[in-house]
Protein backbone atom coordinates (compact mmCIF):
# COMPACT_ATOMS: atom_id res chain seq x y z
CA MET A 1 0.00 0.00 0.00
CA VAL A 2 1.47 3.36 -1.07
CA LYS A 3 1.82 5.78 1.82
CA PRO A 4 -0.06 9.09 1.36
CA ILE A 5 2.12 12.09 0.59
CA PRO A 6 1.72 14.79 3.27
CA ARG A 7 0.73 18.15 1.83
CA LEU A 8 3.18 20.99 2.35
CA LYS A 9 1.78 24.50 2.71
CA LEU A 10 3.35 25.89 -0.43
CA GLN A 11 3.98 29.29 -1.89
CA GLY A 12 2.38 28.75 -5.28
CA PHE A 13 2.71 25.58 -7.37
CA ASN A 14 4.65 22.45 -6.36
CA ASN A 15 7.60 22.62 -8.77
CA LEU A 16 9.16 19.26 -7.84
CA THR A 17 9.55 16.89 -10.77
CA LYS A 18 9.21 13.19 -9.88
CA SER A 19 10.50 10.83 -12.56
CA LEU A 20 10.10 7.06 -12.60
CA SER A 21 11.92 5.18 -15.36
CA PHE A 22 12.17 1.45 -15.74
CA ASN A 23 12.87 -1.39 -18.10
CA ILE A 24 10.79 -4.53 -18.07
CA TYR A 25 12.19 -7.66 -19.70
CA ASP A 26 10.44 -10.85 -20.76
CA VAL A 27 12.79 -13.68 -21.76
CA CYS A 28 11.83 -16.85 -23.62
CA TYR A 29 13.27 -19.59 -25.79
CA ALA A 30 11.80 -20.39 -29.21
CA VAL A 31 13.01 -23.73 -30.56
CA ASN A 32 12.89 -22.96 -34.29
CA GLU A 33 12.61 -20.06 -36.72
CA ASP A 34 8.82 -20.37 -37.11
CA GLN A 35 8.35 -20.18 -33.36
CA ARG A 36 10.61 -17.14 -33.16
CA ARG A 37 8.52 -15.43 -35.86
CA ARG A 38 5.28 -16.27 -34.03
CA TYR A 39 6.74 -14.98 -30.77
CA ILE A 40 7.33 -11.57 -32.38
CA GLU A 41 3.80 -11.65 -33.82
CA TYR A 42 2.39 -12.54 -30.40
CA ILE A 43 4.24 -9.69 -28.66
CA ASP A 44 3.26 -7.19 -31.36
CA GLU A 45 -0.38 -8.16 -30.94
CA ALA A 46 -0.36 -8.32 -27.12
CA TYR A 47 1.45 -4.99 -26.72
CA ASN A 48 0.42 -2.96 -29.75
CA ALA A 49 -0.16 0.80 -29.57
CA ASP A 50 -3.83 0.39 -28.66
CA ARG A 51 -3.06 -1.94 -25.75
CA LEU A 52 -0.22 0.30 -24.53
CA THR A 53 -2.55 3.31 -24.66
CA GLU A 54 -5.01 1.43 -22.43
CA ILE A 55 -2.22 0.66 -19.95
CA LEU A 56 -0.96 4.25 -19.83
CA THR A 57 -4.50 5.62 -19.51
CA GLU A 58 -4.99 3.43 -16.44
CA VAL A 59 -1.63 4.66 -15.09
CA ALA A 60 -2.91 8.24 -15.41
CA ASN A 61 -6.07 7.26 -13.54
CA ILE A 62 -4.10 5.56 -10.76
CA ILE A 63 -1.81 8.53 -10.12
CA GLY A 64 -4.66 11.02 -10.44
CA ALA A 65 -3.46 12.75 -13.60
CA ASN A 66 -5.46 14.18 -16.48
CA VAL A 67 -4.62 13.01 -20.01
CA LEU A 68 -4.21 16.00 -22.31
CA ASN A 69 -2.75 14.52 -25.47
CA VAL A 70 -1.86 11.07 -26.83
CA ALA A 71 0.61 10.20 -29.58
CA ARG A 72 1.04 6.53 -30.53
CA GLN A 73 2.69 4.51 -33.23
CA ASP A 74 3.10 0.85 -34.25
CA TYR A 75 6.38 0.16 -36.06
CA ASP A 76 7.36 -2.10 -38.94
CA PRO A 77 8.67 -4.78 -38.54
CA GLN A 78 7.90 -4.70 -34.78
CA GLY A 79 7.55 -2.53 -31.70
CA ALA A 80 5.28 0.30 -30.59
CA SER A 81 5.47 3.65 -28.79
CA VAL A 82 2.94 5.73 -26.89
CA THR A 83 3.44 9.18 -25.35
CA MET A 84 0.88 10.97 -23.16
CA LEU A 85 0.97 14.53 -21.92
CA ILE A 86 -0.66 14.77 -18.49
CA SER A 87 -1.47 17.43 -15.91
CA GLU A 88 -2.19 17.35 -12.19
CA GLU A 89 -5.34 19.44 -12.60
CA PRO A 90 -7.73 19.70 -15.56
CA VAL A 91 -6.69 22.51 -17.91
CA ILE A 92 -9.77 24.43 -19.01
CA ASP A 93 -10.67 27.44 -21.11
CA LYS A 94 -12.56 29.67 -18.68
CA LYS A 95 -13.86 31.82 -21.52
CA ALA A 96 -15.36 28.93 -23.46
CA ALA A 97 -18.89 27.66 -22.91
CA GLY A 98 -18.76 24.59 -20.70
CA LYS A 99 -15.11 25.28 -19.79
CA GLN A 100 -13.59 22.95 -22.37
CA LEU A 101 -10.23 21.23 -21.97
CA LEU A 102 -7.40 23.10 -23.69
CA SER A 103 -5.67 20.05 -25.14
CA ASP A 104 -4.09 21.88 -28.07
CA ALA A 105 -2.64 24.65 -25.93
CA VAL A 106 -0.96 22.37 -23.42
CA VAL A 107 1.46 20.61 -25.72
CA ALA A 108 3.78 23.61 -25.69
CA HIS A 109 4.16 24.09 -21.94
CA LEU A 110 3.45 20.89 -20.04
CA ASP A 111 6.55 19.11 -21.24
CA LYS A 112 7.54 17.88 -17.75
CA SER A 113 4.35 15.90 -17.16
CA HIS A 114 4.23 12.87 -19.39
CA ILE A 115 4.01 9.11 -19.61
CA THR A 116 5.81 7.18 -22.35
CA VAL A 117 6.33 3.56 -23.28
CA HIS A 118 8.49 2.06 -26.04
CA THR A 119 8.65 -1.66 -26.80
CA TYR A 120 11.55 -3.63 -28.28
CA PRO A 121 10.79 -7.27 -29.19
CA GLU A 122 13.74 -9.15 -30.66
CA THR A 123 15.00 -12.66 -31.31
CA HIS A 124 18.46 -14.11 -31.79
CA PRO A 125 18.74 -15.71 -35.25
CA HIS A 126 20.86 -18.66 -34.07
CA ASN A 127 20.57 -19.53 -30.39
CA GLY A 128 16.78 -19.42 -29.94
CA ILE A 129 16.68 -16.69 -27.28
CA ALA A 130 13.88 -14.15 -27.68
CA THR A 131 13.39 -11.07 -25.51
CA PHE A 132 10.79 -8.38 -25.11
CA ARG A 133 11.80 -5.08 -23.52
CA ALA A 134 9.45 -2.27 -22.54
CA ASP A 135 10.92 1.10 -21.52
CA ILE A 136 8.50 3.14 -19.44
CA ASP A 137 8.84 6.69 -18.14
CA VAL A 138 6.37 8.45 -15.87
CA SER A 139 7.30 12.05 -15.09
CA THR A 140 5.07 14.32 -13.01
CA CYS A 141 5.06 17.80 -11.51
CA GLY A 142 3.13 18.72 -8.40
CA VAL A 143 1.71 16.42 -5.73
CA ILE A 144 0.85 13.40 -7.89
CA SER A 145 3.42 10.61 -7.65
CA PRO A 146 4.34 8.06 -10.34
CA LEU A 147 5.18 5.53 -7.61
CA LYS A 148 1.48 4.83 -7.15
CA ALA A 149 1.40 3.06 -10.53
CA LEU A 150 4.36 0.72 -9.92
CA ASN A 151 2.41 -2.41 -9.00
CA TYR A 152 -0.04 -2.02 -11.86
CA LEU A 153 2.73 -1.57 -14.43
CA ILE A 154 4.72 -4.59 -13.25
CA GLU A 155 1.58 -6.75 -13.35
CA SER A 156 0.57 -5.43 -16.80
CA PHE A 157 3.66 -6.84 -18.52
CA GLU A 158 5.31 -10.26 -18.50
CA SER A 159 8.01 -9.10 -16.12
CA ASP A 160 10.91 -11.52 -15.63
CA ILE A 161 13.30 -8.65 -14.87
CA VAL A 162 12.47 -5.10 -13.77
CA ILE A 163 15.06 -2.32 -13.47
CA MET A 164 13.73 0.90 -11.94
CA ASP A 165 15.05 4.40 -11.33
CA TYR A 166 13.20 7.06 -9.35
CA ARG A 167 14.45 10.61 -8.97
CA VAL A 168 13.05 13.82 -7.52
CA ARG A 169 14.42 16.97 -9.19
CA GLY A 170 14.17 20.68 -8.55
CA PHE A 171 12.71 22.34 -5.47
CA THR A 172 9.52 23.93 -4.21
CA ARG A 173 9.03 26.60 -1.53
CA ASP A 174 6.75 26.58 1.48
CA ILE A 175 4.85 29.64 2.67
CA LYS A 176 7.84 30.69 4.82
CA GLY A 177 10.13 30.66 1.78
CA LYS A 178 12.04 27.51 2.75
CA LYS A 179 13.10 25.33 -0.19
CA HIS A 180 12.06 21.65 -0.18
CA TYR A 181 13.89 19.21 -2.48
CA ILE A 182 11.53 16.30 -1.80
CA ASP A 183 7.98 16.28 -0.44
CA HIS A 184 7.61 12.66 0.74
CA LYS A 185 9.58 10.10 2.71
CA ILE A 186 11.26 7.27 0.77
CA ASN A 187 14.06 4.89 1.68
CA THR A 188 13.72 2.53 -1.27
CA ILE A 189 11.43 1.91 -4.23
CA GLN A 190 10.67 -1.46 -2.63
CA GLU A 191 8.48 0.32 -0.05
CA PHE A 192 5.98 1.06 -2.81
CA LEU A 193 5.71 -2.52 -4.10
CA SER A 194 2.94 -4.86 -3.00
CA LYS A 195 3.72 -7.76 -0.67
CA ALA A 196 2.83 -10.23 -3.43
CA ILE A 197 5.35 -8.70 -5.85
CA ARG A 198 8.09 -8.50 -3.21
CA SER A 199 7.61 -12.19 -2.42
CA ARG A 200 8.08 -13.20 -6.09
CA TYR A 201 11.24 -11.21 -6.84
CA GLU A 202 14.85 -11.08 -5.73
CA MET A 203 15.77 -7.39 -5.28
CA PHE A 204 18.90 -5.27 -5.19
CA ASP A 205 19.15 -1.54 -4.35
CA VAL A 206 21.60 1.25 -5.14
CA ASN A 207 20.36 4.50 -3.60
CA VAL A 208 21.95 7.95 -3.40
CA TYR A 209 19.87 9.54 -0.68
CA GLN A 210 21.55 12.94 -0.66
CA GLU A 211 20.71 13.32 -4.36
CA ASN A 212 17.18 11.86 -4.08
CA ILE A 213 18.10 9.07 -6.52
CA PHE A 214 16.72 5.57 -5.96
CA HIS A 215 17.56 2.48 -8.04
CA THR A 216 16.14 -1.02 -7.70
CA LYS A 217 16.74 -4.16 -9.77
CA MET A 218 14.58 -7.26 -9.45
CA HIS A 219 14.22 -10.65 -11.09
CA LEU A 220 11.93 -13.60 -10.44
CA LYS A 221 13.10 -15.92 -7.67
CA GLU A 222 11.65 -19.13 -9.10
CA PHE A 223 12.94 -20.67 -12.32
CA ASP A 224 10.62 -23.02 -14.21
CA LEU A 225 11.87 -23.78 -17.72
CA ASP A 226 8.32 -24.35 -18.98
CA THR A 227 7.48 -20.69 -18.34
CA TYR A 228 10.33 -19.62 -20.62
CA LEU A 229 9.56 -21.93 -23.54
CA PHE A 230 7.38 -20.55 -26.33
CA GLU A 231 4.92 -23.12 -27.74
CA GLU A 232 6.96 -25.96 -26.23
CA ARG A 233 7.25 -28.01 -23.04
CA ALA A 234 10.45 -29.01 -21.25
CA ARG A 235 9.40 -32.66 -21.20
CA ASN A 236 9.50 -32.74 -25.01
CA LEU A 237 13.18 -31.78 -25.08
CA GLY A 238 15.96 -34.31 -24.85
CA PHE A 239 18.07 -34.29 -21.70
CA LYS A 240 21.07 -32.55 -23.31
CA ASP A 241 18.85 -30.02 -25.09
CA ARG A 242 16.99 -29.26 -21.86
CA ILE A 243 20.25 -28.63 -19.99
CA ARG A 244 21.59 -26.45 -22.84
CA VAL A 245 18.40 -24.37 -23.17
CA GLU A 246 18.12 -23.88 -19.41
CA ALA A 247 21.73 -22.67 -19.27
CA GLN A 248 21.12 -20.24 -22.16
CA VAL A 249 17.99 -18.78 -20.61
CA LYS A 250 19.62 -18.39 -17.18
CA GLN A 251 22.64 -16.68 -18.73
CA GLU A 252 20.37 -14.28 -20.63
CA ILE A 253 18.57 -13.38 -17.42
CA GLU A 254 21.83 -12.85 -15.54
CA GLU A 255 23.27 -10.67 -18.31
CA LEU A 256 20.17 -8.49 -18.55
CA PHE A 257 19.94 -8.17 -14.77
CA HIS A 258 23.59 -7.14 -14.33
CA GLY A 259 23.81 -5.17 -17.59
CA ARG A 260 26.92 -6.89 -18.89
CA ASN A 261 27.93 -9.96 -20.90
CA LEU A 262 29.09 -13.00 -19.00
CA VAL A 263 32.02 -15.10 -20.18
């Protein structure tokens, strides 16, 4: 459960920028070329621009933001991107009848409040490894916090590995003129994850508290080869093939988690 953010008595608008960026990786093994092609087709269908727009719209609802503008694109041969401009409060035209939303006017000046997602499905042409990466950024100004959407985002994707960065930038002033460089207590991103997610993942932190920078890596604790095979079952593989494939998948996970190639 995300802890409520105490309201500071501010002089004007809360100028703090809270940015949450993370990569989500799904790893699998496709035995042959046809399976690798179908894996890409499956990912492109499951996480196309329409589906990603639905996910980001729900993120905006969870954090209490208003969607002002949406740009989305499916790519050839694969991948998709969605960008949303958001605001903490509805932006309205007070002169217009019915106080209509000023969606066209906001694009120019609400550049620090946005949600983006980019997907990168790929397969290795020789060794059978296939990966799907989603890069997600949620950046907000004001009181709303992107951390509220963490659990939903992790559950919305097939998340074998999650690498997260959270940073609070800038400052805001209270009514006495004192500058505040963060407006909520945080020791680690893990505090904002559900108990169910924390129980499923191994986690590792690197935090720079004096700079308000928080970094968490996590990967699934349990390894079941069947969950990493696309359109195949481990029992259908020969003993040597099963050992080889398991070693390849585990190495891929370790390399993505640590961000370097292993010898």
